[in-house]
Protein backbone atom coordinates (compact mmCIF):
# COMPACT_ATOMS: atom_id res chain seq x y z
CA UNK A 1 85.94 -185.83 156.11
CA UNK A 2 83.29 -187.75 158.35
CA UNK A 3 80.56 -185.32 157.37
CA UNK A 4 77.54 -186.36 155.50
CA UNK A 5 78.31 -186.66 151.70
CA UNK A 6 76.37 -187.76 148.65
CA UNK A 7 77.45 -191.17 146.86
CA UNK A 8 78.99 -189.38 143.82
CA UNK A 9 81.36 -187.48 146.30
CA UNK A 10 82.14 -190.79 147.89
CA UNK A 11 82.76 -192.44 144.66
CA UNK A 12 85.27 -189.69 143.87
CA UNK A 13 87.25 -189.70 146.85
CA UNK A 14 87.43 -193.22 146.76
CA UNK A 15 88.70 -193.21 143.03
CA UNK A 16 91.43 -190.72 144.02
CA UNK A 17 92.83 -192.77 146.76
CA UNK A 18 94.41 -194.93 144.01
CA UNK A 19 96.63 -192.46 141.88
CA UNK A 20 96.99 -189.92 144.69
CA UNK A 21 98.26 -191.97 147.94
CA UNK A 22 98.78 -189.18 150.22
CA UNK A 23 94.83 -188.38 150.04
CA UNK A 24 94.33 -192.13 150.71
CA UNK A 25 96.49 -191.69 154.06
CA UNK A 26 94.16 -188.53 154.92
CA UNK A 27 91.10 -190.32 154.15
CA UNK A 28 92.40 -193.41 156.36
CA UNK A 29 93.08 -191.14 159.15
CA UNK A 30 89.97 -188.87 159.14
CA UNK A 31 86.96 -190.70 157.75
CA UNK A 32 85.75 -193.62 160.18
CA UNK A 33 82.23 -193.73 158.77
CA UNK A 34 82.23 -194.44 155.25
CA UNK A 35 83.26 -198.16 154.44
CA UNK A 36 83.68 -198.02 150.83
CA UNK A 37 85.98 -195.13 151.01
CA UNK A 38 88.05 -196.66 153.86
CA UNK A 39 88.37 -200.05 151.57
CA UNK A 40 89.53 -198.05 148.67
CA UNK A 41 91.85 -195.85 150.83
CA UNK A 42 93.79 -198.89 152.56
CA UNK A 43 93.87 -200.48 149.24
CA UNK A 44 95.18 -197.72 147.45
CA UNK A 45 98.05 -197.34 150.14
CA UNK A 46 98.58 -200.95 149.64
CA UNK A 47 98.87 -200.60 145.80
CA UNK A 48 101.12 -197.18 146.44
CA UNK A 49 103.46 -199.71 148.51
CA UNK A 50 103.49 -202.42 146.21
CA UNK A 51 104.32 -199.96 143.06
CA UNK A 52 107.35 -198.73 145.64
CA UNK A 53 108.73 -201.88 146.78
CA UNK A 54 108.48 -203.17 142.79
CA UNK A 55 110.20 -199.67 141.50
CA UNK A 56 113.38 -200.76 143.88
CA UNK A 57 114.60 -203.65 141.58
CA UNK A 58 113.19 -201.96 138.56
CA UNK A 59 115.40 -198.89 139.57
CA UNK A 60 118.37 -201.19 139.57
CA UNK A 61 117.71 -202.54 136.26
CA UNK A 62 117.49 -199.06 135.16
CA UNK A 63 121.39 -198.63 135.21
CA UNK A 64 121.64 -201.05 132.30
CA UNK A 65 122.20 -198.33 129.51
CA UNK A 66 119.37 -198.90 127.00
CA UNK A 67 117.36 -201.96 128.04
CA UNK A 68 117.14 -200.60 131.43
CA UNK A 69 115.54 -197.31 130.31
CA UNK A 70 112.78 -199.20 128.40
CA UNK A 71 112.21 -201.54 131.63
CA UNK A 72 111.74 -198.40 133.86
CA UNK A 73 109.60 -196.64 131.36
CA UNK A 74 107.31 -199.56 130.88
CA UNK A 75 106.90 -200.28 134.36
CA UNK A 76 105.91 -196.46 135.12
CA UNK A 77 103.44 -196.64 132.15
CA UNK A 78 101.85 -199.82 133.67
CA UNK A 79 101.83 -198.44 137.17
CA UNK A 80 99.84 -195.31 136.09
CA UNK A 81 97.86 -197.09 133.72
CA UNK A 82 96.80 -199.18 136.57
CA UNK A 83 96.08 -196.50 139.15
CA UNK A 84 93.84 -194.62 136.60
CA UNK A 85 92.15 -198.26 135.67
CA UNK A 86 91.31 -198.99 139.62
CA UNK A 87 90.18 -195.29 139.98
CA UNK A 88 88.00 -195.68 137.17
CA UNK A 89 86.49 -198.70 138.44
CA UNK A 90 86.23 -197.28 141.87
CA UNK A 91 84.52 -194.34 140.56
CA UNK A 92 81.86 -196.85 139.21
CA UNK A 93 81.07 -197.97 142.35
CA UNK A 94 83.06 -201.49 142.50
CA UNK A 95 85.42 -202.55 145.27
CA UNK A 96 88.60 -202.89 143.38
CA UNK A 97 90.48 -205.95 144.31
CA UNK A 98 94.01 -205.15 143.57
CA UNK A 99 95.81 -208.88 142.77
CA UNK A 100 97.99 -210.00 145.68
CA UNK A 101 97.57 -206.54 147.74
CA UNK A 102 94.00 -207.18 148.63
CA UNK A 103 94.14 -210.68 149.65
CA UNK A 104 97.30 -209.70 151.93
CA UNK A 105 95.59 -206.77 153.35
CA UNK A 106 92.60 -208.97 154.34
CA UNK A 107 94.59 -211.30 156.08
CA UNK A 108 96.94 -208.79 157.83
CA UNK A 109 94.68 -205.91 158.36
CA UNK A 110 92.48 -206.21 161.40
CA UNK A 111 89.82 -203.45 160.50
CA UNK A 112 89.64 -204.18 156.76
CA UNK A 113 86.26 -203.38 155.64
C-alpha cells in the first residue's frame, strides 16, 4: 500500500474508505505516506463508528411495530447516502469533514493528518 501510486488511485482509495470501513482499517495500518488517504481512512472509520453507535438506539426504536420499521429504514437510507456523498467528495480530492466526527478526531487523535 505504501508504494507509489497515481493521484487518481489515491483519490479512489480515499473515496472507498467511507462506504467500505474494513478497507479504511487496512489503509490505516499499512499506508504511512499518503496524508490524504490516511485522513480519509481515519475519517471513514470515525464515520463508521458513529453510524454504529447511532444504530443502537435506532434498533431499539425498530421494535415499535410500524413506525419503528420506518425509522430504521430512513436511518439506513441516510447512512448509505452520506457514505456515498462523502466518497464522491473524497474522489473529487476534497478533504471531507464529517460533522462532529472530524472535530472529535482532531482533538483526540495524536497523529490526525
